[in-house]
Amino acid sequence: MLTGPNYSGSSFYCLNAEGTRVLRQRGDEGRTPWTWTFDLAAAYIPNWADNKLRFKLDVFNLFNNDRVTEYNEFSEASRDVISPNYLNDVNYQTPRSFRLTARYDF
């Protein structure tokens, strides 16, 4: 347990939905869902450019997964006031994106 002048055991007593203080530990509300992405890359090197030119396409998060990666973990807006944002989604996976590059070797 952490100790110090600005941190005490009272920090672990949080309001529940009924407004009662209960002893909580970090992680008591569960974990975020398992996330995964599938990235893809393809390159084209034309022979007519003496193999010095290359075009490449990268696709990130090909299947456009959008799972939650962070929830609002603060149950109180201020002392004895339940936050309306408690356990709301805060962040999601990065959406599908593309990168097109051209490279020429001298």
N, C-alpha and C. Protein backbone atom coordinates (compact mmCIF):
# COMPACT_ATOMS: atom_id res chain seq x y z
N MET A 1 0.84 -1.18 0.00
CA MET A 1 0.00 0.00 0.00
C MET A 1 0.88 1.24 0.00
N LEU A 2 0.47 2.25 -0.74
CA LEU A 2 1.23 3.49 -0.81
C LEU A 2 1.00 4.32 0.44
N THR A 3 2.04 4.99 0.86
CA THR A 3 1.91 5.88 2.02
C THR A 3 2.56 7.20 1.68
N GLY A 4 2.28 8.18 2.48
CA GLY A 4 2.87 9.49 2.27
C GLY A 4 1.92 10.56 2.78
N PRO A 5 2.38 11.80 2.80
CA PRO A 5 1.56 12.87 3.37
C PRO A 5 0.28 13.14 2.58
N ASN A 6 0.25 12.84 1.28
CA ASN A 6 -0.91 13.16 0.46
C ASN A 6 -1.70 11.93 0.03
N TYR A 7 -1.43 10.78 0.65
CA TYR A 7 -2.08 9.55 0.22
C TYR A 7 -2.39 8.72 1.44
N SER A 8 -3.64 8.35 1.63
CA SER A 8 -4.00 7.56 2.80
C SER A 8 -5.00 6.49 2.42
N GLY A 9 -5.36 5.66 3.40
CA GLY A 9 -6.32 4.59 3.16
C GLY A 9 -7.69 5.09 2.74
N SER A 10 -8.03 6.34 3.11
CA SER A 10 -9.34 6.87 2.73
C SER A 10 -9.48 7.00 1.21
N SER A 11 -8.36 7.02 0.49
CA SER A 11 -8.41 7.10 -0.97
C SER A 11 -9.05 5.87 -1.58
N PHE A 12 -9.09 4.76 -0.85
CA PHE A 12 -9.65 3.52 -1.38
C PHE A 12 -11.13 3.37 -1.06
N TYR A 13 -11.70 4.28 -0.29
CA TYR A 13 -13.13 4.21 0.03
C TYR A 13 -13.88 5.09 -0.97
N CYS A 14 -14.60 4.44 -1.87
CA CYS A 14 -15.27 5.15 -2.96
C CYS A 14 -16.77 4.98 -2.86
N LEU A 15 -17.50 5.91 -3.44
CA LEU A 15 -18.96 5.81 -3.45
C LEU A 15 -19.40 4.74 -4.44
N ASN A 16 -20.38 3.93 -4.04
CA ASN A 16 -20.98 3.00 -4.97
C ASN A 16 -22.24 3.64 -5.55
N ALA A 17 -23.01 2.91 -6.35
CA ALA A 17 -24.19 3.47 -7.02
C ALA A 17 -25.24 3.96 -6.03
N GLU A 18 -25.27 3.39 -4.83
CA GLU A 18 -26.25 3.81 -3.82
C GLU A 18 -25.76 4.99 -2.99
N GLY A 19 -24.54 5.44 -3.20
CA GLY A 19 -23.98 6.56 -2.45
C GLY A 19 -23.33 6.16 -1.14
N THR A 20 -23.06 4.86 -0.96
CA THR A 20 -22.40 4.37 0.25
C THR A 20 -20.92 4.20 -0.02
N ARG A 21 -20.08 4.54 0.95
CA ARG A 21 -18.65 4.37 0.78
C ARG A 21 -18.27 2.91 1.01
N VAL A 22 -17.52 2.35 0.08
CA VAL A 22 -17.06 0.97 0.19
C VAL A 22 -15.56 0.92 -0.10
N LEU A 23 -14.89 -0.04 0.50
CA LEU A 23 -13.46 -0.22 0.27
C LEU A 23 -13.26 -0.83 -1.11
N ARG A 24 -12.50 -0.15 -1.96
CA ARG A 24 -12.25 -0.61 -3.33
C ARG A 24 -10.76 -0.66 -3.59
N GLN A 25 -10.38 -1.54 -4.49
CA GLN A 25 -9.00 -1.61 -4.95
C GLN A 25 -9.00 -1.33 -6.44
N ARG A 26 -7.89 -0.85 -6.91
CA ARG A 26 -7.76 -0.62 -8.34
C ARG A 26 -7.99 -1.93 -9.08
N GLY A 27 -8.81 -1.90 -10.11
CA GLY A 27 -9.08 -3.09 -10.90
C GLY A 27 -10.31 -3.85 -10.46
N ASP A 28 -10.99 -3.41 -9.40
CA ASP A 28 -12.19 -4.11 -8.92
C ASP A 28 -13.31 -4.13 -9.95
N GLU A 29 -13.36 -3.17 -10.83
CA GLU A 29 -14.44 -3.11 -11.82
C GLU A 29 -14.14 -3.93 -13.07
N GLY A 30 -13.04 -4.66 -13.08
CA GLY A 30 -12.71 -5.50 -14.23
C GLY A 30 -11.63 -4.89 -15.11
N ARG A 31 -11.51 -5.46 -16.28
CA ARG A 31 -10.47 -5.06 -17.22
C ARG A 31 -11.11 -4.63 -18.53
N THR A 32 -10.33 -3.94 -19.34
CA THR A 32 -10.82 -3.59 -20.67
C THR A 32 -10.83 -4.85 -21.52
N PRO A 33 -11.63 -4.87 -22.60
CA PRO A 33 -11.68 -6.07 -23.44
C PRO A 33 -10.35 -6.29 -24.16
N TRP A 34 -10.12 -7.54 -24.52
CA TRP A 34 -8.93 -7.90 -25.27
C TRP A 34 -8.99 -7.23 -26.63
N THR A 35 -7.89 -6.66 -27.08
CA THR A 35 -7.86 -5.97 -28.37
C THR A 35 -6.85 -6.61 -29.30
N TRP A 36 -7.11 -6.47 -30.60
CA TRP A 36 -6.17 -6.95 -31.60
C TRP A 36 -6.35 -6.11 -32.86
N THR A 37 -5.29 -6.04 -33.64
CA THR A 37 -5.35 -5.38 -34.94
C THR A 37 -4.66 -6.27 -35.97
N PHE A 38 -5.02 -6.07 -37.21
CA PHE A 38 -4.40 -6.79 -38.32
C PHE A 38 -3.93 -5.74 -39.30
N ASP A 39 -2.61 -5.63 -39.46
CA ASP A 39 -2.02 -4.66 -40.37
C ASP A 39 -1.54 -5.39 -41.62
N LEU A 40 -1.53 -4.68 -42.73
CA LEU A 40 -1.16 -5.27 -44.01
C LEU A 40 -0.27 -4.30 -44.76
N ALA A 41 0.71 -4.83 -45.47
CA ALA A 41 1.59 -4.00 -46.29
C ALA A 41 1.82 -4.68 -47.63
N ALA A 42 1.88 -3.88 -48.69
CA ALA A 42 2.16 -4.40 -50.02
C ALA A 42 3.08 -3.40 -50.72
N ALA A 43 4.01 -3.93 -51.50
CA ALA A 43 4.96 -3.07 -52.21
C ALA A 43 5.01 -3.46 -53.68
N TYR A 44 5.27 -2.47 -54.53
CA TYR A 44 5.42 -2.70 -55.96
C TYR A 44 6.72 -2.05 -56.40
N ILE A 45 7.59 -2.84 -57.02
CA ILE A 45 8.88 -2.34 -57.52
C ILE A 45 8.90 -2.58 -59.03
N PRO A 46 8.68 -1.53 -59.82
CA PRO A 46 8.62 -1.71 -61.28
C PRO A 46 10.00 -1.97 -61.88
N ASN A 47 10.05 -2.90 -62.82
CA ASN A 47 11.32 -3.21 -63.49
C ASN A 47 11.79 -2.07 -64.39
N TRP A 48 10.85 -1.31 -64.95
CA TRP A 48 11.21 -0.25 -65.89
C TRP A 48 12.00 0.88 -65.23
N ALA A 49 12.07 0.90 -63.90
CA ALA A 49 12.82 1.94 -63.19
C ALA A 49 14.12 1.38 -62.62
N ASP A 50 14.62 0.31 -63.22
CA ASP A 50 15.88 -0.32 -62.78
C ASP A 50 15.83 -0.71 -61.30
N ASN A 51 14.67 -1.08 -60.80
CA ASN A 51 14.47 -1.49 -59.40
C ASN A 51 14.88 -0.42 -58.39
N LYS A 52 14.89 0.84 -58.82
CA LYS A 52 15.24 1.93 -57.90
C LYS A 52 14.00 2.62 -57.34
N LEU A 53 12.85 2.37 -57.94
CA LEU A 53 11.61 3.00 -57.51
C LEU A 53 10.75 1.97 -56.79
N ARG A 54 10.13 2.41 -55.71
CA ARG A 54 9.25 1.49 -54.97
C ARG A 54 8.04 2.24 -54.45
N PHE A 55 6.88 1.65 -54.67
CA PHE A 55 5.62 2.15 -54.12
C PHE A 55 5.16 1.18 -53.05
N LYS A 56 4.69 1.71 -51.94
CA LYS A 56 4.28 0.85 -50.84
C LYS A 56 2.98 1.37 -50.23
N LEU A 57 2.09 0.43 -49.91
CA LEU A 57 0.83 0.76 -49.24
C LEU A 57 0.78 -0.01 -47.93
N ASP A 58 0.57 0.73 -46.84
CA ASP A 58 0.37 0.13 -45.51
C ASP A 58 -1.07 0.38 -45.10
N VAL A 59 -1.72 -0.65 -44.58
CA VAL A 59 -3.07 -0.52 -44.03
C VAL A 59 -2.98 -0.93 -42.57
N PHE A 60 -3.36 -0.03 -41.69
CA PHE A 60 -3.32 -0.30 -40.26
C PHE A 60 -4.74 -0.54 -39.76
N ASN A 61 -4.90 -1.55 -38.91
CA ASN A 61 -6.21 -1.95 -38.39
C ASN A 61 -7.17 -2.24 -39.55
N LEU A 62 -6.78 -3.18 -40.39
CA LEU A 62 -7.51 -3.52 -41.60
C LEU A 62 -8.99 -3.79 -41.35
N PHE A 63 -9.33 -4.49 -40.28
CA PHE A 63 -10.72 -4.84 -39.99
C PHE A 63 -11.45 -3.76 -39.19
N ASN A 64 -10.78 -2.64 -38.96
CA ASN A 64 -11.37 -1.47 -38.30
C ASN A 64 -11.98 -1.81 -36.93
N ASN A 65 -11.27 -2.57 -36.12
CA ASN A 65 -11.72 -2.87 -34.76
C ASN A 65 -11.81 -1.59 -33.95
N ASP A 66 -12.82 -1.50 -33.11
CA ASP A 66 -13.01 -0.26 -32.34
C ASP A 66 -13.36 -0.55 -30.89
N ARG A 67 -12.62 -1.45 -30.29
CA ARG A 67 -12.86 -1.79 -28.89
C ARG A 67 -12.41 -0.67 -27.96
N VAL A 68 -13.01 -0.65 -26.79
CA VAL A 68 -12.66 0.34 -25.77
C VAL A 68 -11.30 -0.02 -25.18
N THR A 69 -10.42 0.97 -25.04
CA THR A 69 -9.11 0.74 -24.43
C THR A 69 -8.97 1.44 -23.08
N GLU A 70 -9.95 2.28 -22.73
CA GLU A 70 -9.90 2.96 -21.43
C GLU A 70 -11.30 3.39 -21.01
N TYR A 71 -11.60 3.19 -19.73
CA TYR A 71 -12.86 3.64 -19.14
C TYR A 71 -12.56 4.73 -18.12
N ASN A 72 -13.53 5.60 -17.86
CA ASN A 72 -13.39 6.58 -16.79
C ASN A 72 -13.43 5.82 -15.47
N GLU A 73 -12.36 5.87 -14.72
CA GLU A 73 -12.24 5.08 -13.50
C GLU A 73 -12.54 5.86 -12.22
N PHE A 74 -12.99 7.09 -12.35
CA PHE A 74 -13.22 7.92 -11.17
C PHE A 74 -14.71 7.94 -10.84
N SER A 75 -15.09 7.36 -9.71
CA SER A 75 -16.50 7.25 -9.36
C SER A 75 -17.06 8.52 -8.73
N GLU A 76 -16.19 9.41 -8.28
CA GLU A 76 -16.67 10.62 -7.63
C GLU A 76 -16.24 11.86 -8.41
N ALA A 77 -17.21 12.77 -8.63
CA ALA A 77 -16.89 14.04 -9.26
C ALA A 77 -16.24 14.96 -8.23
N SER A 78 -16.70 14.89 -7.00
CA SER A 78 -16.11 15.56 -5.85
C SER A 78 -16.56 14.77 -4.63
N ARG A 79 -16.15 15.17 -3.47
CA ARG A 79 -16.47 14.40 -2.27
C ARG A 79 -17.99 14.20 -2.13
N ASP A 80 -18.39 12.95 -2.01
CA ASP A 80 -19.79 12.55 -1.84
C ASP A 80 -20.70 12.87 -3.03
N VAL A 81 -20.12 13.11 -4.21
CA VAL A 81 -20.91 13.34 -5.42
C VAL A 81 -20.50 12.29 -6.45
N ILE A 82 -21.44 11.44 -6.84
CA ILE A 82 -21.15 10.39 -7.82
C ILE A 82 -20.98 11.02 -9.20
N SER A 83 -19.92 10.64 -9.89
CA SER A 83 -19.65 11.16 -11.22
C SER A 83 -20.59 10.51 -12.24
N PRO A 84 -21.24 11.31 -13.08
CA PRO A 84 -22.10 10.74 -14.12
C PRO A 84 -21.29 10.04 -15.22
N ASN A 85 -19.99 10.28 -15.26
CA ASN A 85 -19.13 9.68 -16.28
C ASN A 85 -18.46 8.39 -15.84
N TYR A 86 -18.73 7.95 -14.63
CA TYR A 86 -18.07 6.75 -14.09
C TYR A 86 -18.32 5.55 -15.00
N LEU A 87 -17.25 4.89 -15.39
CA LEU A 87 -17.21 3.71 -16.26
C LEU A 87 -17.66 3.99 -17.69
N ASN A 88 -17.77 5.27 -18.08
CA ASN A 88 -18.03 5.59 -19.49
C ASN A 88 -16.76 5.37 -20.30
N ASP A 89 -16.94 5.13 -21.59
CA ASP A 89 -15.80 4.94 -22.49
C ASP A 89 -15.01 6.24 -22.61
N VAL A 90 -13.68 6.12 -22.59
CA VAL A 90 -12.81 7.28 -22.74
C VAL A 90 -12.01 7.19 -24.04
N ASN A 91 -11.40 6.04 -24.31
CA ASN A 91 -10.58 5.86 -25.51
C ASN A 91 -10.93 4.57 -26.21
N TYR A 92 -10.70 4.58 -27.53
CA TYR A 92 -10.94 3.41 -28.37
C TYR A 92 -9.68 3.11 -29.16
N GLN A 93 -9.67 1.93 -29.80
CA GLN A 93 -8.56 1.61 -30.69
C GLN A 93 -8.50 2.63 -31.82
N THR A 94 -7.32 2.83 -32.35
CA THR A 94 -7.14 3.73 -33.48
C THR A 94 -7.87 3.16 -34.69
N PRO A 95 -8.66 3.96 -35.40
CA PRO A 95 -9.41 3.44 -36.54
C PRO A 95 -8.49 3.09 -37.72
N ARG A 96 -9.07 2.43 -38.71
CA ARG A 96 -8.31 2.03 -39.90
C ARG A 96 -7.66 3.26 -40.51
N SER A 97 -6.42 3.09 -40.95
CA SER A 97 -5.72 4.18 -41.62
C SER A 97 -4.81 3.59 -42.70
N PHE A 98 -4.45 4.44 -43.64
CA PHE A 98 -3.64 4.03 -44.79
C PHE A 98 -2.41 4.93 -44.87
N ARG A 99 -1.34 4.36 -45.40
CA ARG A 99 -0.13 5.15 -45.67
C ARG A 99 0.40 4.70 -47.03
N LEU A 100 0.56 5.64 -47.93
CA LEU A 100 1.09 5.37 -49.25
C LEU A 100 2.44 6.07 -49.36
N THR A 101 3.47 5.32 -49.71
CA THR A 101 4.80 5.92 -49.82
C THR A 101 5.40 5.59 -51.18
N ALA A 102 6.26 6.49 -51.63
CA ALA A 102 7.04 6.28 -52.84
C ALA A 102 8.49 6.51 -52.48
N ARG A 103 9.35 5.62 -52.94
CA ARG A 103 10.77 5.73 -52.61
C ARG A 103 11.59 5.54 -53.89
N TYR A 104 12.60 6.39 -54.04
CA TYR A 104 13.50 6.27 -55.17
C TYR A 104 14.93 6.25 -54.65
N ASP A 105 15.68 5.21 -54.97
CA ASP A 105 17.08 5.10 -54.55
C ASP A 105 17.98 5.65 -55.65
N PHE A 106 18.84 6.59 -55.30
CA PHE A 106 19.77 7.19 -56.27
C PHE A 106 20.99 6.33 -56.43
